[in-house]
């Protein structure tokens, strides 16, 4: 049985060696694509549009794969009564900030998009956006991932609804028992 003064930590991350491996695979496939198919783009022929669609489409997919490998989620939430500390990491860089439940509307939301099945997240709709990190790399990655405003936070996934609700109760300072809703 957990007590409300305990801290709850939930995280999601992609290990750095795996990030590097995925980026290298994407880069290698991109090079193969351009070496093997770029010859069909010049000189111009009736098949040039078909090669152009394949090269541009494949390049877009592989560049997206590479961006995911570099900028994929690596986040840790530490929930304490009345305070949430969020740490975002990318390689050796870290960005930390704190949010209190008074800063926005907090709720537990069910997600069915994961391949592993259902998951639950604490979602906080903030009244004022979180300031952008001072690190230019983090700012660039946030803008590329479409999280410029940062007015909504979504926690890493919880495997059971009871755990997510308990973490929300701790954050709100209600000290609910696991399984209470």
C-alpha atoms as a PDB file:
ATOM      1  CA  UNK A   1       0.000   0.000   0.000  1.00  0.00           C
ATOM      2  CA  UNK A   2       1.379   3.395  -1.006  1.00  0.00           C
ATOM      3  CA  UNK A   3       1.228   6.441   1.148  1.00  0.00           C
ATOM      4  CA  UNK A   4       0.363   9.806  -0.399  1.00  0.00           C
ATOM      5  CA  UNK A   5       3.738  11.298   0.564  1.00  0.00           C
ATOM      6  CA  UNK A   6       5.587   8.826  -1.663  1.00  0.00           C
ATOM      7  CA  UNK A   7       6.807  10.032  -4.996  1.00  0.00           C
ATOM      8  CA  UNK A   8       5.671   8.232  -8.123  1.00  0.00           C
ATOM      9  CA  UNK A   9       7.986   8.058 -11.124  1.00  0.00           C
ATOM     10  CA  UNK A  10       6.903   7.087 -14.608  1.00  0.00           C
ATOM     11  CA  UNK A  11       9.103   7.317 -17.686  1.00  0.00           C
ATOM     12  CA  UNK A  12       9.516   6.364 -21.298  1.00  0.00           C
ATOM     13  CA  UNK A  13      12.806   6.344 -23.108  1.00  0.00           C
ATOM     14  CA  UNK A  14      14.754   5.084 -26.061  1.00  0.00           C
ATOM     15  CA  UNK A  15      18.335   4.142 -25.082  1.00  0.00           C
ATOM     16  CA  UNK A  16      21.046   6.172 -26.816  1.00  0.00           C
ATOM     17  CA  UNK A  17      22.680   3.131 -28.526  1.00  0.00           C
ATOM     18  CA  UNK A  18      19.314   2.219 -30.046  1.00  0.00           C
ATOM     19  CA  UNK A  19      18.801   5.816 -31.207  1.00  0.00           C
ATOM     20  CA  UNK A  20      22.192   5.784 -32.931  1.00  0.00           C
ATOM     21  CA  UNK A  21      21.507   2.379 -34.523  1.00  0.00           C
ATOM     22  CA  UNK A  22      18.099   3.479 -35.876  1.00  0.00           C
ATOM     23  CA  UNK A  23      19.560   6.722 -37.269  1.00  0.00           C
ATOM     24  CA  UNK A  24      22.418   4.816 -38.952  1.00  0.00           C
ATOM     25  CA  UNK A  25      20.001   2.313 -40.517  1.00  0.00           C
ATOM     26  CA  UNK A  26      17.837   5.149 -41.849  1.00  0.00           C
ATOM     27  CA  UNK A  27      20.877   6.974 -43.222  1.00  0.00           C
ATOM     28  CA  UNK A  28      22.167   3.784 -44.886  1.00  0.00           C
ATOM     29  CA  UNK A  29      18.803   3.074 -46.502  1.00  0.00           C
ATOM     30  CA  UNK A  30      18.582   6.695 -47.663  1.00  0.00           C
ATOM     31  CA  UNK A  31      21.997   6.387 -49.321  1.00  0.00           C
ATOM     32  CA  UNK A  32      20.987   3.118 -51.020  1.00  0.00           C
ATOM     33  CA  UNK A  33      17.766   4.742 -52.236  1.00  0.00           C
ATOM     34  CA  UNK A  34      19.572   7.688 -53.784  1.00  0.00           C
ATOM     35  CA  UNK A  35      22.437   5.651 -55.266  1.00  0.00           C
ATOM     36  CA  UNK A  36      20.160   3.048 -56.828  1.00  0.00           C
ATOM     37  CA  UNK A  37      17.192   5.139 -57.960  1.00  0.00           C
ATOM     38  CA  UNK A  38      18.467   8.680 -58.498  1.00  0.00           C
ATOM     39  CA  UNK A  39      19.835   7.619 -61.898  1.00  0.00           C
ATOM     40  CA  UNK A  40      16.235   7.320 -63.090  1.00  0.00           C
ATOM     41  CA  UNK A  41      15.700  11.047 -62.551  1.00  0.00           C
ATOM     42  CA  UNK A  42      18.204  12.178 -65.182  1.00  0.00           C
ATOM     43  CA  UNK A  43      18.179  12.289 -68.174  1.00  0.00           C
ATOM     44  CA  UNK A  44      14.490  13.073 -68.301  1.00  0.00           C
ATOM     45  CA  UNK A  45      12.380  10.268 -69.733  1.00  0.00           C
ATOM     46  CA  UNK A  46       8.751   9.123 -69.542  1.00  0.00           C
ATOM     47  CA  UNK A  47       9.657   7.131 -66.391  1.00  0.00           C
ATOM     48  CA  UNK A  48      11.181  10.138 -64.573  1.00  0.00           C
ATOM     49  CA  UNK A  49       7.920  11.036 -62.722  1.00  0.00           C
ATOM     50  CA  UNK A  50       7.634   7.482 -61.376  1.00  0.00           C
ATOM     51  CA  UNK A  51      11.249   7.522 -60.133  1.00  0.00           C
ATOM     52  CA  UNK A  52      10.677  11.000 -58.666  1.00  0.00           C
ATOM     53  CA  UNK A  53       7.650   9.786 -56.669  1.00  0.00           C
ATOM     54  CA  UNK A  54       9.582   6.782 -55.350  1.00  0.00           C
ATOM     55  CA  UNK A  55      12.703   8.796 -54.446  1.00  0.00           C
ATOM     56  CA  UNK A  56      10.834  11.708 -52.838  1.00  0.00           C
ATOM     57  CA  UNK A  57       8.396   9.436 -50.976  1.00  0.00           C
ATOM     58  CA  UNK A  58      11.121   7.082 -49.756  1.00  0.00           C
ATOM     59  CA  UNK A  59      13.306  10.006 -48.711  1.00  0.00           C
ATOM     60  CA  UNK A  60      10.429  11.498 -46.719  1.00  0.00           C
ATOM     61  CA  UNK A  61       9.777   8.236 -44.910  1.00  0.00           C
ATOM     62  CA  UNK A  62      13.455   7.629 -44.127  1.00  0.00           C
ATOM     63  CA  UNK A  63      14.036  11.221 -42.971  1.00  0.00           C
ATOM     64  CA  UNK A  64      11.003  10.891 -40.674  1.00  0.00           C
ATOM     65  CA  UNK A  65      12.436   7.636 -39.343  1.00  0.00           C
ATOM     66  CA  UNK A  66      15.752   9.376 -38.702  1.00  0.00           C
ATOM     67  CA  UNK A  67      14.022  12.302 -36.956  1.00  0.00           C
ATOM     68  CA  UNK A  68      12.136   9.854 -34.719  1.00  0.00           C
ATOM     69  CA  UNK A  69      15.393   8.091 -33.863  1.00  0.00           C
ATOM     70  CA  UNK A  70      16.977  11.359 -32.783  1.00  0.00           C
ATOM     71  CA  UNK A  71      14.001  13.157 -31.244  1.00  0.00           C
ATOM     72  CA  UNK A  72      11.956  10.249 -29.916  1.00  0.00           C
ATOM     73  CA  UNK A  73      10.439  10.388 -26.452  1.00  0.00           C
ATOM     74  CA  UNK A  74      12.743  10.326 -23.460  1.00  0.00           C
ATOM     75  CA  UNK A  75      10.849  11.745 -20.548  1.00  0.00           C
ATOM     76  CA  UNK A  76      10.542  11.142 -16.817  1.00  0.00           C
ATOM     77  CA  UNK A  77       7.670  12.388 -14.673  1.00  0.00           C
ATOM     78  CA  UNK A  78       8.066  12.507 -10.903  1.00  0.00           C
ATOM     79  CA  UNK A  79       4.751  13.039  -9.143  1.00  0.00           C
ATOM     80  CA  UNK A  80       4.692  14.339  -5.570  1.00  0.00           C
ATOM     81  CA  UNK A  81       1.806  15.812  -3.603  1.00  0.00           C
ATOM     82  CA  UNK A  82       1.080  19.168  -5.210  1.00  0.00           C
ATOM     83  CA  UNK A  83       4.000  19.168  -7.649  1.00  0.00           C
ATOM     84  CA  UNK A  84       5.009  17.485 -10.891  1.00  0.00           C
ATOM     85  CA  UNK A  85       8.620  17.501 -12.053  1.00  0.00           C
ATOM     86  CA  UNK A  86       9.205  16.717 -15.716  1.00  0.00           C
ATOM     87  CA  UNK A  87      12.657  15.867 -17.048  1.00  0.00           C
ATOM     88  CA  UNK A  88      13.175  15.605 -20.778  1.00  0.00           C
ATOM     89  CA  UNK A  89      16.447  14.168 -22.057  1.00  0.00           C
ATOM     90  CA  UNK A  90      18.211  14.004 -25.378  1.00  0.00           C
ATOM     91  CA  UNK A  91      21.624  12.358 -25.349  1.00  0.00           C
ATOM     92  CA  UNK A  92      23.587  14.298 -22.691  1.00  0.00           C
ATOM     93  CA  UNK A  93      21.229  17.297 -22.543  1.00  0.00           C
ATOM     94  CA  UNK A  94      18.489  17.668 -19.960  1.00  0.00           C
ATOM     95  CA  UNK A  95      15.573  20.044 -19.611  1.00  0.00           C
ATOM     96  CA  UNK A  96      13.646  20.153 -16.326  1.00  0.00           C
ATOM     97  CA  UNK A  97      10.570  22.064 -15.297  1.00  0.00           C
ATOM     98  CA  UNK A  98       7.893  21.931 -12.613  1.00  0.00           C
ATOM     99  CA  UNK A  99       4.136  22.124 -12.854  1.00  0.00           C
ATOM    100  CA  UNK A 100       1.585  22.330 -10.072  1.00  0.00           C
ATOM    101  CA  UNK A 101      -2.033  21.160 -10.376  1.00  0.00           C
ATOM    102  CA  UNK A 102      -3.103  24.806 -10.056  1.00  0.00           C
ATOM    103  CA  UNK A 103      -1.375  25.535 -13.376  1.00  0.00           C
ATOM    104  CA  UNK A 104      -4.044  23.686 -15.357  1.00  0.00           C
ATOM    105  CA  UNK A 105      -6.778  21.083 -15.621  1.00  0.00           C
ATOM    106  CA  UNK A 106      -5.577  17.537 -14.788  1.00  0.00           C
ATOM    107  CA  UNK A 107      -7.301  14.314 -15.822  1.00  0.00           C
ATOM    108  CA  UNK A 108      -6.646  10.664 -16.672  1.00  0.00           C
ATOM    109  CA  UNK A 109      -7.172   9.768 -20.328  1.00  0.00           C
ATOM    110  CA  UNK A 110      -7.334   6.296 -21.914  1.00  0.00           C
ATOM    111  CA  UNK A 111      -5.301   5.659 -25.069  1.00  0.00           C
ATOM    112  CA  UNK A 112      -5.843   2.736 -27.436  1.00  0.00           C
ATOM    113  CA  UNK A 113      -3.120   3.674 -29.918  1.00  0.00           C
ATOM    114  CA  UNK A 114      -0.329   1.606 -28.400  1.00  0.00           C
ATOM    115  CA  UNK A 115       0.476  -1.720 -30.007  1.00  0.00           C
ATOM    116  CA  UNK A 116       0.617  -3.320 -26.573  1.00  0.00           C
ATOM    117  CA  UNK A 117      -3.010  -2.476 -25.878  1.00  0.00           C
ATOM    118  CA  UNK A 118      -4.679   0.063 -23.676  1.00  0.00           C
ATOM    119  CA  UNK A 119      -2.704   2.590 -21.688  1.00  0.00           C
ATOM    120  CA  UNK A 120      -3.612   5.529 -19.491  1.00  0.00           C
ATOM    121  CA  UNK A 121      -2.004   8.950 -19.301  1.00  0.00           C
ATOM    122  CA  UNK A 122      -2.269  11.942 -17.024  1.00  0.00           C
ATOM    123  CA  UNK A 123      -3.066  14.887 -19.273  1.00  0.00           C
ATOM    124  CA  UNK A 124      -2.645  18.432 -18.015  1.00  0.00           C
ATOM    125  CA  UNK A 125      -4.182  21.259 -20.027  1.00  0.00           C
ATOM    126  CA  UNK A 126      -2.115  24.249 -18.916  1.00  0.00           C
ATOM    127  CA  UNK A 127      -3.512  27.764 -18.468  1.00  0.00           C
ATOM    128  CA  UNK A 128      -0.207  29.280 -19.639  1.00  0.00           C
ATOM    129  CA  UNK A 129       2.319  27.520 -21.923  1.00  0.00           C
ATOM    130  CA  UNK A 130       5.590  26.261 -20.512  1.00  0.00           C
ATOM    131  CA  UNK A 131       8.476  28.516 -21.573  1.00  0.00           C
ATOM    132  CA  UNK A 132      10.722  27.066 -24.259  1.00  0.00           C
ATOM    133  CA  UNK A 133      13.986  25.559 -23.017  1.00  0.00           C
ATOM    134  CA  UNK A 134      17.097  27.693 -23.273  1.00  0.00           C
ATOM    135  CA  UNK A 135      19.011  24.906 -25.032  1.00  0.00           C
ATOM    136  CA  UNK A 136      18.782  25.615 -28.804  1.00  0.00           C
ATOM    137  CA  UNK A 137      18.786  21.879 -29.646  1.00  0.00           C
ATOM    138  CA  UNK A 138      15.735  21.278 -27.463  1.00  0.00           C
ATOM    139  CA  UNK A 139      14.000  24.306 -28.986  1.00  0.00           C
ATOM    140  CA  UNK A 140      14.672  22.996 -32.489  1.00  0.00           C
ATOM    141  CA  UNK A 141      13.376  19.516 -31.661  1.00  0.00           C
ATOM    142  CA  UNK A 142      10.225  20.895 -30.034  1.00  0.00           C
ATOM    143  CA  UNK A 143       9.477  23.023 -33.067  1.00  0.00           C
ATOM    144  CA  UNK A 144      10.115  20.091 -35.449  1.00  0.00           C
ATOM    145  CA  UNK A 145       7.815  17.832 -33.442  1.00  0.00           C
ATOM    146  CA  UNK A 146       5.028  20.432 -33.477  1.00  0.00           C
ATOM    147  CA  UNK A 147       5.117  21.111 -29.722  1.00  0.00           C
ATOM    148  CA  UNK A 148       5.792  24.839 -29.962  1.00  0.00           C
ATOM    149  CA  UNK A 149       3.033  26.025 -27.645  1.00  0.00           C
ATOM    150  CA  UNK A 150       3.544  23.325 -25.000  1.00  0.00           C
ATOM    151  CA  UNK A 151       0.189  24.113 -23.447  1.00  0.00           C
ATOM    152  CA  UNK A 152      -0.703  20.457 -22.926  1.00  0.00           C
ATOM    153  CA  UNK A 153       1.349  17.797 -21.168  1.00  0.00           C
ATOM    154  CA  UNK A 154       0.746  14.072 -21.512  1.00  0.00           C
ATOM    155  CA  UNK A 155       2.504  11.668 -19.182  1.00  0.00           C
ATOM    156  CA  UNK A 156       4.313   8.520 -20.201  1.00  0.00           C
ATOM    157  CA  UNK A 157       1.859   5.627 -20.203  1.00  0.00           C
ATOM    158  CA  UNK A 158       0.587   3.770 -17.175  1.00  0.00           C
ATOM    159  CA  UNK A 159      -0.265   0.100 -17.677  1.00  0.00           C
ATOM    160  CA  UNK A 160      -3.384   0.222 -15.488  1.00  0.00           C
ATOM    161  CA  UNK A 161      -6.004   2.852 -14.902  1.00  0.00           C
ATOM    162  CA  UNK A 162      -5.761   2.452 -11.120  1.00  0.00           C
ATOM    163  CA  UNK A 163      -2.089   3.439 -11.188  1.00  0.00           C
ATOM    164  CA  UNK A 164      -2.770   6.517 -13.289  1.00  0.00           C
ATOM    165  CA  UNK A 165      -5.642   7.598 -11.026  1.00  0.00           C
ATOM    166  CA  UNK A 166      -3.501   7.043  -7.914  1.00  0.00           C
ATOM    167  CA  UNK A 167      -0.699   9.187  -9.400  1.00  0.00           C
ATOM    168  CA  UNK A 168      -3.240  11.899 -10.223  1.00  0.00           C
ATOM    169  CA  UNK A 169      -4.612  11.720  -6.668  1.00  0.00           C
ATOM    170  CA  UNK A 170      -1.086  12.123  -5.285  1.00  0.00           C
ATOM    171  CA  UNK A 171      -0.475  15.086  -7.595  1.00  0.00           C
ATOM    172  CA  UNK A 172      -3.725  16.717  -6.509  1.00  0.00           C
ATOM    173  CA  UNK A 173      -2.839  16.044  -2.887  1.00  0.00           C
ATOM    174  CA  UNK A 174      -5.891  13.863  -2.316  1.00  0.00           C
ATOM    175  CA  UNK A 175      -3.841  10.825  -1.295  1.00  0.00           C
ATOM    176  CA  UNK A 176      -6.154   8.233  -2.767  1.00  0.00           C
ATOM    177  CA  UNK A 177      -5.503   4.538  -2.322  1.00  0.00           C
ATOM    178  CA  UNK A 178      -4.441   2.557  -5.392  1.00  0.00           C
ATOM    179  CA  UNK A 179      -7.605   1.545  -7.199  1.00  0.00           C
ATOM    180  CA  UNK A 180      -9.736   4.373  -5.833  1.00  0.00           C
ATOM    181  CA  UNK A 181     -11.333   6.625  -8.386  1.00  0.00           C
END
